[in-house]
Amino acid sequence: MSEIRMTTETRTDYECEASGLPAERWAEAVFKIGDEELVIEVSVEKTGVIVGIMVGEVAWKGTLEGFKKLLKGELQ
């Protein structure tokens, strides 16, 4: 049996919640807004955590530390 290395949760303003969804290596959340999709992916690798974000044709992928820097405006 595979090792559970992370769990995911989803909550909405309709008080809907899904929690404890297990993942060994990666998990992805897809938000559909009209014709657009916002995708957030998290991978747990032996070398660290990788984060990917995609909206349409625009994407960013990097380490968790890099994502924190991006949010702080320290990366472009």
PDB file of N, CA and C in Angstrom:
ATOM      1  N   MET A   1       0.839  -1.186   0.000  1.00  0.00           N
ATOM      2  CA  MET A   1       0.000   0.000   0.000  1.00  0.00           C
ATOM      3  C   MET A   1       0.877   1.239   0.000  1.00  0.00           C
ATOM      4  N   SER A   2       0.469   2.252  -0.718  1.00  0.00           N
ATOM      5  CA  SER A   2       1.211   3.497  -0.823  1.00  0.00           C
ATOM      6  C   SER A   2       1.091   4.325   0.449  1.00  0.00           C
ATOM      7  N   GLU A   3       2.098   5.158   0.650  1.00  0.00           N
ATOM      8  CA  GLU A   3       2.114   6.036   1.818  1.00  0.00           C
ATOM      9  C   GLU A   3       1.332   7.320   1.531  1.00  0.00           C
ATOM     10  N   ILE A   4       0.467   7.726   2.451  1.00  0.00           N
ATOM     11  CA  ILE A   4      -0.239   9.002   2.324  1.00  0.00           C
ATOM     12  C   ILE A   4       0.710  10.089   2.799  1.00  0.00           C
ATOM     13  N   ARG A   5       1.113  10.971   1.885  1.00  0.00           N
ATOM     14  CA  ARG A   5       2.079  12.002   2.211  1.00  0.00           C
ATOM     15  C   ARG A   5       1.443  13.368   2.391  1.00  0.00           C
ATOM     16  N   MET A   6       0.194  13.517   1.957  1.00  0.00           N
ATOM     17  CA  MET A   6      -0.531  14.765   2.180  1.00  0.00           C
ATOM     18  C   MET A   6      -2.018  14.490   2.070  1.00  0.00           C
ATOM     19  N   THR A   7      -2.814  15.394   2.617  1.00  0.00           N
ATOM     20  CA  THR A   7      -4.262  15.330   2.460  1.00  0.00           C
ATOM     21  C   THR A   7      -4.739  16.677   1.948  1.00  0.00           C
ATOM     22  N   THR A   8      -5.906  16.695   1.331  1.00  0.00           N
ATOM     23  CA  THR A   8      -6.447  17.936   0.781  1.00  0.00           C
ATOM     24  C   THR A   8      -7.815  18.223   1.378  1.00  0.00           C
ATOM     25  N   GLU A   9      -8.176  19.496   1.324  1.00  0.00           N
ATOM     26  CA  GLU A   9      -9.492  19.946   1.766  1.00  0.00           C
ATOM     27  C   GLU A   9     -10.024  20.957   0.756  1.00  0.00           C
ATOM     28  N   THR A  10     -11.326  20.981   0.603  1.00  0.00           N
ATOM     29  CA  THR A  10     -11.991  21.978  -0.243  1.00  0.00           C
ATOM     30  C   THR A  10     -13.194  22.496   0.523  1.00  0.00           C
ATOM     31  N   ARG A  11     -13.367  23.799   0.517  1.00  0.00           N
ATOM     32  CA  ARG A  11     -14.522  24.414   1.185  1.00  0.00           C
ATOM     33  C   ARG A  11     -15.130  25.464   0.262  1.00  0.00           C
ATOM     34  N   THR A  12     -16.445  25.629   0.358  1.00  0.00           N
ATOM     35  CA  THR A  12     -17.120  26.665  -0.427  1.00  0.00           C
ATOM     36  C   THR A  12     -18.010  27.508   0.476  1.00  0.00           C
ATOM     37  N   ASP A  13     -18.478  28.614  -0.081  1.00  0.00           N
ATOM     38  CA  ASP A  13     -19.363  29.494   0.682  1.00  0.00           C
ATOM     39  C   ASP A  13     -20.773  28.914   0.829  1.00  0.00           C
ATOM     40  N   TYR A  14     -21.049  27.776   0.201  1.00  0.00           N
ATOM     41  CA  TYR A  14     -22.315  27.076   0.408  1.00  0.00           C
ATOM     42  C   TYR A  14     -22.208  26.084   1.567  1.00  0.00           C
ATOM     43  N   GLU A  15     -21.153  26.235   2.348  1.00  0.00           N
ATOM     44  CA  GLU A  15     -20.882  25.369   3.486  1.00  0.00           C
ATOM     45  C   GLU A  15     -20.740  23.900   3.069  1.00  0.00           C
ATOM     46  N   CYS A  16     -20.198  23.696   1.871  1.00  0.00           N
ATOM     47  CA  CYS A  16     -19.846  22.363   1.402  1.00  0.00           C
ATOM     48  C   CYS A  16     -18.369  22.152   1.718  1.00  0.00           C
ATOM     49  N   GLU A  17     -18.027  20.959   2.165  1.00  0.00           N
ATOM     50  CA  GLU A  17     -16.638  20.689   2.514  1.00  0.00           C
ATOM     51  C   GLU A  17     -16.298  19.242   2.207  1.00  0.00           C
ATOM     52  N   ALA A  18     -15.134  19.052   1.628  1.00  0.00           N
ATOM     53  CA  ALA A  18     -14.559  17.719   1.436  1.00  0.00           C
ATOM     54  C   ALA A  18     -13.182  17.776   2.072  1.00  0.00           C
ATOM     55  N   SER A  19     -12.922  16.905   3.022  1.00  0.00           N
ATOM     56  CA  SER A  19     -11.630  16.952   3.700  1.00  0.00           C
ATOM     57  C   SER A  19     -11.061  15.554   3.853  1.00  0.00           C
ATOM     58  N   GLY A  20      -9.758  15.517   4.072  1.00  0.00           N
ATOM     59  CA  GLY A  20      -9.080  14.247   4.287  1.00  0.00           C
ATOM     60  C   GLY A  20      -8.870  13.439   3.025  1.00  0.00           C
ATOM     61  N   LEU A  21      -8.937  14.073   1.858  1.00  0.00           N
ATOM     62  CA  LEU A  21      -8.703  13.349   0.610  1.00  0.00           C
ATOM     63  C   LEU A  21      -7.215  12.995   0.543  1.00  0.00           C
ATOM     64  N   PRO A  22      -6.868  11.724   0.498  1.00  0.00           N
ATOM     65  CA  PRO A  22      -5.465  11.321   0.581  1.00  0.00           C
ATOM     66  C   PRO A  22      -4.737  11.412  -0.760  1.00  0.00           C
ATOM     67  N   ALA A  23      -3.433  11.689  -0.687  1.00  0.00           N
ATOM     68  CA  ALA A  23      -2.584  11.689  -1.874  1.00  0.00           C
ATOM     69  C   ALA A  23      -1.199  11.214  -1.475  1.00  0.00           C
ATOM     70  N   GLU A  24      -0.607  10.409  -2.324  1.00  0.00           N
ATOM     71  CA  GLU A  24       0.764   9.962  -2.062  1.00  0.00           C
ATOM     72  C   GLU A  24       1.755  10.973  -2.602  1.00  0.00           C
ATOM     73  N   ARG A  25       1.546  11.418  -3.849  1.00  0.00           N
ATOM     74  CA  ARG A  25       2.549  12.261  -4.487  1.00  0.00           C
ATOM     75  C   ARG A  25       2.020  13.604  -4.943  1.00  0.00           C
ATOM     76  N   TRP A  26       0.812  13.683  -5.495  1.00  0.00           N
ATOM     77  CA  TRP A  26       0.325  14.969  -5.979  1.00  0.00           C
ATOM     78  C   TRP A  26      -1.180  15.086  -5.805  1.00  0.00           C
ATOM     79  N   ALA A  27      -1.628  16.340  -5.790  1.00  0.00           N
ATOM     80  CA  ALA A  27      -3.057  16.649  -5.749  1.00  0.00           C
ATOM     81  C   ALA A  27      -3.282  17.903  -6.580  1.00  0.00           C
ATOM     82  N   GLU A  28      -4.473  18.029  -7.108  1.00  0.00           N
ATOM     83  CA  GLU A  28      -4.786  19.143  -8.005  1.00  0.00           C
ATOM     84  C   GLU A  28      -6.197  19.628  -7.701  1.00  0.00           C
ATOM     85  N   ALA A  29      -6.359  20.937  -7.706  1.00  0.00           N
ATOM     86  CA  ALA A  29      -7.684  21.547  -7.562  1.00  0.00           C
ATOM     87  C   ALA A  29      -7.978  22.308  -8.849  1.00  0.00           C
ATOM     88  N   VAL A  30      -9.160  22.118  -9.396  1.00  0.00           N
ATOM     89  CA  VAL A  30      -9.558  22.789 -10.630  1.00  0.00           C
ATOM     90  C   VAL A  30     -10.811  23.606 -10.347  1.00  0.00           C
ATOM     91  N   PHE A  31     -10.706  24.902 -10.585  1.00  0.00           N
ATOM     92  CA  PHE A  31     -11.839  25.812 -10.421  1.00  0.00           C
ATOM     93  C   PHE A  31     -12.277  26.244 -11.813  1.00  0.00           C
ATOM     94  N   LYS A  32     -13.546  26.027 -12.157  1.00  0.00           N
ATOM     95  CA  LYS A  32     -14.074  26.444 -13.457  1.00  0.00           C
ATOM     96  C   LYS A  32     -14.876  27.711 -13.265  1.00  0.00           C
ATOM     97  N   ILE A  33     -14.451  28.769 -13.965  1.00  0.00           N
ATOM     98  CA  ILE A  33     -15.117  30.066 -13.899  1.00  0.00           C
ATOM     99  C   ILE A  33     -15.523  30.422 -15.325  1.00  0.00           C
ATOM    100  N   GLY A  34     -16.785  30.178 -15.653  1.00  0.00           N
ATOM    101  CA  GLY A  34     -17.209  30.376 -17.041  1.00  0.00           C
ATOM    102  C   GLY A  34     -16.425  29.438 -17.944  1.00  0.00           C
ATOM    103  N   ASP A  35     -15.764  30.012 -18.956  1.00  0.00           N
ATOM    104  CA  ASP A  35     -14.948  29.223 -19.877  1.00  0.00           C
ATOM    105  C   ASP A  35     -13.511  29.065 -19.404  1.00  0.00           C
ATOM    106  N   GLU A  36     -13.155  29.699 -18.301  1.00  0.00           N
ATOM    107  CA  GLU A  36     -11.779  29.662 -17.788  1.00  0.00           C
ATOM    108  C   GLU A  36     -11.616  28.554 -16.746  1.00  0.00           C
ATOM    109  N   GLU A  37     -10.399  28.057 -16.616  1.00  0.00           N
ATOM    110  CA  GLU A  37     -10.044  27.117 -15.564  1.00  0.00           C
ATOM    111  C   GLU A  37      -8.847  27.649 -14.807  1.00  0.00           C
ATOM    112  N   LEU A  38      -8.920  27.590 -13.497  1.00  0.00           N
ATOM    113  CA  LEU A  38      -7.796  27.895 -12.619  1.00  0.00           C
ATOM    114  C   LEU A  38      -7.391  26.576 -11.996  1.00  0.00           C
ATOM    115  N   VAL A  39      -6.150  26.158 -12.232  1.00  0.00           N
ATOM    116  CA  VAL A  39      -5.666  24.870 -11.754  1.00  0.00           C
ATOM    117  C   VAL A  39      -4.519  25.109 -10.777  1.00  0.00           C
ATOM    118  N   ILE A  40      -4.600  24.485  -9.619  1.00  0.00           N
ATOM    119  CA  ILE A  40      -3.533  24.538  -8.626  1.00  0.00           C
ATOM    120  C   ILE A  40      -3.106  23.105  -8.353  1.00  0.00           C
ATOM    121  N   GLU A  41      -1.815  22.834  -8.536  1.00  0.00           N
ATOM    122  CA  GLU A  41      -1.293  21.489  -8.329  1.00  0.00           C
ATOM    123  C   GLU A  41      -0.159  21.541  -7.314  1.00  0.00           C
ATOM    124  N   VAL A  42      -0.138  20.572  -6.417  1.00  0.00           N
ATOM    125  CA  VAL A  42       0.925  20.455  -5.421  1.00  0.00           C
ATOM    126  C   VAL A  42       1.490  19.045  -5.522  1.00  0.00           C
ATOM    127  N   SER A  43       2.817  18.956  -5.655  1.00  0.00           N
ATOM    128  CA  SER A  43       3.495  17.660  -5.718  1.00  0.00           C
ATOM    129  C   SER A  43       4.475  17.558  -4.564  1.00  0.00           C
ATOM    130  N   VAL A  44       4.440  16.426  -3.867  1.00  0.00           N
ATOM    131  CA  VAL A  44       5.397  16.169  -2.799  1.00  0.00           C
ATOM    132  C   VAL A  44       6.464  15.243  -3.376  1.00  0.00           C
ATOM    133  N   GLU A  45       7.643  15.804  -3.603  1.00  0.00           N
ATOM    134  CA  GLU A  45       8.752  15.053  -4.188  1.00  0.00           C
ATOM    135  C   GLU A  45       9.793  14.777  -3.109  1.00  0.00           C
ATOM    136  N   LYS A  46      10.711  13.881  -3.388  1.00  0.00           N
ATOM    137  CA  LYS A  46      11.784  13.603  -2.430  1.00  0.00           C
ATOM    138  C   LYS A  46      12.658  14.832  -2.217  1.00  0.00           C
ATOM    139  N   THR A  47      12.745  15.683  -3.239  1.00  0.00           N
ATOM    140  CA  THR A  47      13.588  16.880  -3.153  1.00  0.00           C
ATOM    141  C   THR A  47      12.864  18.077  -2.550  1.00  0.00           C
ATOM    142  N   GLY A  48      11.548  17.976  -2.330  1.00  0.00           N
ATOM    143  CA  GLY A  48      10.781  19.080  -1.766  1.00  0.00           C
ATOM    144  C   GLY A  48       9.397  19.161  -2.371  1.00  0.00           C
ATOM    145  N   VAL A  49       8.710  20.253  -2.076  1.00  0.00           N
ATOM    146  CA  VAL A  49       7.340  20.461  -2.551  1.00  0.00           C
ATOM    147  C   VAL A  49       7.374  21.347  -3.794  1.00  0.00           C
ATOM    148  N   ILE A  50       6.654  20.928  -4.843  1.00  0.00           N
ATOM    149  CA  ILE A  50       6.539  21.685  -6.086  1.00  0.00           C
ATOM    150  C   ILE A  50       5.111  22.193  -6.202  1.00  0.00           C
ATOM    151  N   VAL A  51       4.963  23.463  -6.573  1.00  0.00           N
ATOM    152  CA  VAL A  51       3.650  24.090  -6.726  1.00  0.00           C
ATOM    153  C   VAL A  51       3.500  24.537  -8.179  1.00  0.00           C
ATOM    154  N   GLY A  52       2.345  24.275  -8.754  1.00  0.00           N
ATOM    155  CA  GLY A  52       2.039  24.735 -10.107  1.00  0.00           C
ATOM    156  C   GLY A  52       0.696  25.434 -10.116  1.00  0.00           C
ATOM    157  N   ILE A  53       0.630  26.551 -10.839  1.00  0.00           N
ATOM    158  CA  ILE A  53      -0.625  27.307 -10.975  1.00  0.00           C
ATOM    159  C   ILE A  53      -0.798  27.604 -12.461  1.00  0.00           C
ATOM    160  N   MET A  54      -2.016  27.382 -12.976  1.00  0.00           N
ATOM    161  CA  MET A  54      -2.269  27.649 -14.386  1.00  0.00           C
ATOM    162  C   MET A  54      -3.647  28.275 -14.553  1.00  0.00           C
ATOM    163  N   VAL A  55      -3.699  29.336 -15.350  1.00  0.00           N
ATOM    164  CA  VAL A  55      -4.961  29.959 -15.744  1.00  0.00           C
ATOM    165  C   VAL A  55      -4.889  30.103 -17.262  1.00  0.00           C
ATOM    166  N   GLY A  56      -5.719  29.332 -17.959  1.00  0.00           N
ATOM    167  CA  GLY A  56      -5.660  29.367 -19.421  1.00  0.00           C
ATOM    168  C   GLY A  56      -4.271  28.964 -19.897  1.00  0.00           C
ATOM    169  N   GLU A  57      -3.635  29.846 -20.666  1.00  0.00           N
ATOM    170  CA  GLU A  57      -2.308  29.575 -21.207  1.00  0.00           C
ATOM    171  C   GLU A  57      -1.188  30.103 -20.315  1.00  0.00           C
ATOM    172  N   VAL A  58      -1.521  30.768 -19.225  1.00  0.00           N
ATOM    173  CA  VAL A  58      -0.527  31.354 -18.327  1.00  0.00           C
ATOM    174  C   VAL A  58      -0.261  30.377 -17.190  1.00  0.00           C
ATOM    175  N   ALA A  59       1.014  30.081 -16.938  1.00  0.00           N
ATOM    176  CA  ALA A  59       1.343  29.108 -15.903  1.00  0.00           C
ATOM    177  C   ALA A  59       2.608  29.515 -15.149  1.00  0.00           C
ATOM    178  N   TRP A  60       2.692  29.050 -13.914  1.00  0.00           N
ATOM    179  CA  TRP A  60       3.894  29.198 -13.099  1.00  0.00           C
ATOM    180  C   TRP A  60       4.111  27.885 -12.384  1.00  0.00           C
ATOM    181  N   LYS A  61       5.372  27.442 -12.297  1.00  0.00           N
ATOM    182  CA  LYS A  61       5.696  26.218 -11.579  1.00  0.00           C
ATOM    183  C   LYS A  61       7.033  26.414 -10.888  1.00  0.00           C
ATOM    184  N   GLY A  62       7.099  26.006  -9.632  1.00  0.00           N
ATOM    185  CA  GLY A  62       8.348  26.137  -8.890  1.00  0.00           C
ATOM    186  C   GLY A  62       8.230  25.490  -7.523  1.00  0.00           C
ATOM    187  N   THR A  63       9.209  25.772  -6.687  1.00  0.00           N
ATOM    188  CA  THR A  63       9.223  25.203  -5.347  1.00  0.00           C
ATOM    189  C   THR A  63       8.238  25.938  -4.446  1.00  0.00           C
ATOM    190  N   LEU A  64       7.956  25.344  -3.298  1.00  0.00           N
ATOM    191  CA  LEU A  64       7.089  25.992  -2.318  1.00  0.00           C
ATOM    192  C   LEU A  64       7.716  27.300  -1.849  1.00  0.00           C
ATOM    193  N   GLU A  65       9.030  27.298  -1.629  1.00  0.00           N
ATOM    194  CA  GLU A  65       9.717  28.532  -1.223  1.00  0.00           C
ATOM    195  C   GLU A  65       9.626  29.591  -2.322  1.00  0.00           C
ATOM    196  N   GLY A  66       9.767  29.161  -3.573  1.00  0.00           N
ATOM    197  CA  GLY A  66       9.627  30.088  -4.694  1.00  0.00           C
ATOM    198  C   GLY A  66       8.220  30.660  -4.781  1.00  0.00           C
ATOM    199  N   PHE A  67       7.211  29.835  -4.499  1.00  0.00           N
ATOM    200  CA  PHE A  67       5.819  30.297  -4.526  1.00  0.00           C
ATOM    201  C   PHE A  67       5.590  31.346  -3.447  1.00  0.00           C
ATOM    202  N   LYS A  68       6.154  31.127  -2.257  1.00  0.00           N
ATOM    203  CA  LYS A  68       6.045  32.119  -1.183  1.00  0.00           C
ATOM    204  C   LYS A  68       6.670  33.445  -1.615  1.00  0.00           C
ATOM    205  N   LYS A  69       7.830  33.376  -2.260  1.00  0.00           N
ATOM    206  CA  LYS A  69       8.492  34.589  -2.757  1.00  0.00           C
ATOM    207  C   LYS A  69       7.649  35.277  -3.822  1.00  0.00           C
ATOM    208  N   LEU A  70       7.024  34.492  -4.705  1.00  0.00           N
ATOM    209  CA  LEU A  70       6.155  35.047  -5.738  1.00  0.00           C
ATOM    210  C   LEU A  70       5.009  35.817  -5.112  1.00  0.00           C
ATOM    211  N   LEU A  71       4.382  35.240  -4.087  1.00  0.00           N
ATOM    212  CA  LEU A  71       3.267  35.896  -3.413  1.00  0.00           C
ATOM    213  C   LEU A  71       3.688  37.173  -2.683  1.00  0.00           C
ATOM    214  N   LYS A  72       4.926  37.188  -2.206  1.00  0.00           N
ATOM    215  CA  LYS A  72       5.462  38.375  -1.533  1.00  0.00           C
ATOM    216  C   LYS A  72       5.936  39.440  -2.522  1.00  0.00           C
ATOM    217  N   GLY A  73       5.920  39.112  -3.813  1.00  0.00           N
ATOM    218  CA  GLY A  73       6.376  40.052  -4.829  1.00  0.00           C
ATOM    219  C   GLY A  73       7.884  40.043  -5.009  1.00  0.00           C
ATOM    220  N   GLU A  74       8.560  39.050  -4.474  1.00  0.00           N
ATOM    221  CA  GLU A  74       9.999  38.958  -4.587  1.00  0.00           C
ATOM    222  C   GLU A  74      10.446  38.240  -5.860  1.00  0.00           C
ATOM    223  N   LEU A  75       9.533  37.575  -6.545  1.00  0.00           N
ATOM    224  CA  LEU A  75       9.806  36.906  -7.833  1.00  0.00           C
ATOM    225  C   LEU A  75       8.842  37.430  -8.870  1.00  0.00           C
ATOM    226  N   GLN A  76       9.250  37.334 -10.121  1.00  0.00           N
ATOM    227  CA  GLN A  76       8.349  37.726 -11.201  1.00  0.00           C
ATOM    228  C   GLN A  76       8.178  36.598 -12.184  1.00  0.00           C
TER     229      GLN A  76
END
